[in-house]
């Protein structure tokens, strides 16, 4: 069985860039509800599969 990666909104994620650390998810990527509303339109209207390139910064120790 393949694992599905889900992009979802999370109310504690900031919309604007900030220097305060955000939550680290070792699972699915999280975005702010405001940003999710923007990208949701692109996701729903896409006629082709979408590839999400996500990475963790080099300072994070997993």
C-alpha atoms as a PDB file:
ATOM      1  CA  UNK A   1       0.000   0.000   0.000  1.00  0.00           C
ATOM      2  CA  UNK A   2       1.311   3.447  -0.908  1.00  0.00           C
ATOM      3  CA  UNK A   3       1.266   6.196   1.679  1.00  0.00           C
ATOM      4  CA  UNK A   4      -0.791   9.265   0.822  1.00  0.00           C
ATOM      5  CA  UNK A   5       0.703  12.616   1.788  1.00  0.00           C
ATOM      6  CA  UNK A   6      -1.983  15.140   2.663  1.00  0.00           C
ATOM      7  CA  UNK A   7      -1.478  18.892   2.701  1.00  0.00           C
ATOM      8  CA  UNK A   8      -3.706  20.365   5.386  1.00  0.00           C
ATOM      9  CA  UNK A   9      -4.362  23.601   7.233  1.00  0.00           C
ATOM     10  CA  UNK A  10      -3.547  24.100  10.901  1.00  0.00           C
ATOM     11  CA  UNK A  11      -4.861  27.076  12.858  1.00  0.00           C
ATOM     12  CA  UNK A  12      -1.602  27.676  14.786  1.00  0.00           C
ATOM     13  CA  UNK A  13       0.515  27.992  11.629  1.00  0.00           C
ATOM     14  CA  UNK A  14       1.290  31.657  10.867  1.00  0.00           C
ATOM     15  CA  UNK A  15       0.305  33.173   7.531  1.00  0.00           C
ATOM     16  CA  UNK A  16       3.123  35.722   7.516  1.00  0.00           C
ATOM     17  CA  UNK A  17       6.824  34.895   7.719  1.00  0.00           C
ATOM     18  CA  UNK A  18       8.068  34.944  11.307  1.00  0.00           C
ATOM     19  CA  UNK A  19      11.307  34.219  13.182  1.00  0.00           C
ATOM     20  CA  UNK A  20       9.435  32.254  15.863  1.00  0.00           C
ATOM     21  CA  UNK A  21       9.790  28.467  15.320  1.00  0.00           C
ATOM     22  CA  UNK A  22       6.705  26.708  13.971  1.00  0.00           C
ATOM     23  CA  UNK A  23       5.470  23.191  14.641  1.00  0.00           C
ATOM     24  CA  UNK A  24       7.446  20.354  13.086  1.00  0.00           C
ATOM     25  CA  UNK A  25       5.368  17.589  11.578  1.00  0.00           C
ATOM     26  CA  UNK A  26       7.108  14.352  10.660  1.00  0.00           C
ATOM     27  CA  UNK A  27       4.034  13.460   8.653  1.00  0.00           C
ATOM     28  CA  UNK A  28       1.991  15.640   6.359  1.00  0.00           C
ATOM     29  CA  UNK A  29       2.892  19.289   5.632  1.00  0.00           C
ATOM     30  CA  UNK A  30       0.836  21.991   7.379  1.00  0.00           C
ATOM     31  CA  UNK A  31      -0.010  25.506   6.184  1.00  0.00           C
ATOM     32  CA  UNK A  32      -2.078  28.320   7.661  1.00  0.00           C
ATOM     33  CA  UNK A  33      -5.831  28.277   6.938  1.00  0.00           C
ATOM     34  CA  UNK A  34      -5.469  31.567   5.014  1.00  0.00           C
ATOM     35  CA  UNK A  35      -2.762  30.166   2.718  1.00  0.00           C
ATOM     36  CA  UNK A  36      -4.660  26.893   2.334  1.00  0.00           C
ATOM     37  CA  UNK A  37      -7.648  28.791   0.887  1.00  0.00           C
ATOM     38  CA  UNK A  38      -5.332  30.218  -1.788  1.00  0.00           C
ATOM     39  CA  UNK A  39      -3.728  26.930  -2.840  1.00  0.00           C
ATOM     40  CA  UNK A  40      -6.954  24.929  -2.489  1.00  0.00           C
ATOM     41  CA  UNK A  41      -8.263  26.589  -5.672  1.00  0.00           C
ATOM     42  CA  UNK A  42      -5.214  25.406  -7.633  1.00  0.00           C
ATOM     43  CA  UNK A  43      -5.454  21.887  -6.207  1.00  0.00           C
ATOM     44  CA  UNK A  44      -9.172  21.513  -6.963  1.00  0.00           C
ATOM     45  CA  UNK A  45      -8.847  22.910 -10.506  1.00  0.00           C
ATOM     46  CA  UNK A  46      -5.744  20.930 -11.480  1.00  0.00           C
ATOM     47  CA  UNK A  47      -6.317  18.487 -14.316  1.00  0.00           C
ATOM     48  CA  UNK A  48      -2.935  16.830 -13.673  1.00  0.00           C
ATOM     49  CA  UNK A  49      -1.310  15.316 -10.568  1.00  0.00           C
ATOM     50  CA  UNK A  50       0.507  17.800  -8.339  1.00  0.00           C
ATOM     51  CA  UNK A  51       3.993  17.217  -6.945  1.00  0.00           C
ATOM     52  CA  UNK A  52       4.835  18.960  -3.676  1.00  0.00           C
ATOM     53  CA  UNK A  53       8.513  19.574  -2.950  1.00  0.00           C
ATOM     54  CA  UNK A  54       8.873  19.935   0.820  1.00  0.00           C
ATOM     55  CA  UNK A  55      12.048  19.947   2.888  1.00  0.00           C
ATOM     56  CA  UNK A  56      13.237  20.574   6.420  1.00  0.00           C
ATOM     57  CA  UNK A  57      15.852  23.231   7.130  1.00  0.00           C
ATOM     58  CA  UNK A  58      19.424  22.101   7.738  1.00  0.00           C
ATOM     59  CA  UNK A  59      19.365  23.207  11.406  1.00  0.00           C
ATOM     60  CA  UNK A  60      16.636  20.734  12.382  1.00  0.00           C
ATOM     61  CA  UNK A  61      17.808  17.522  14.046  1.00  0.00           C
ATOM     62  CA  UNK A  62      15.451  14.611  13.407  1.00  0.00           C
END
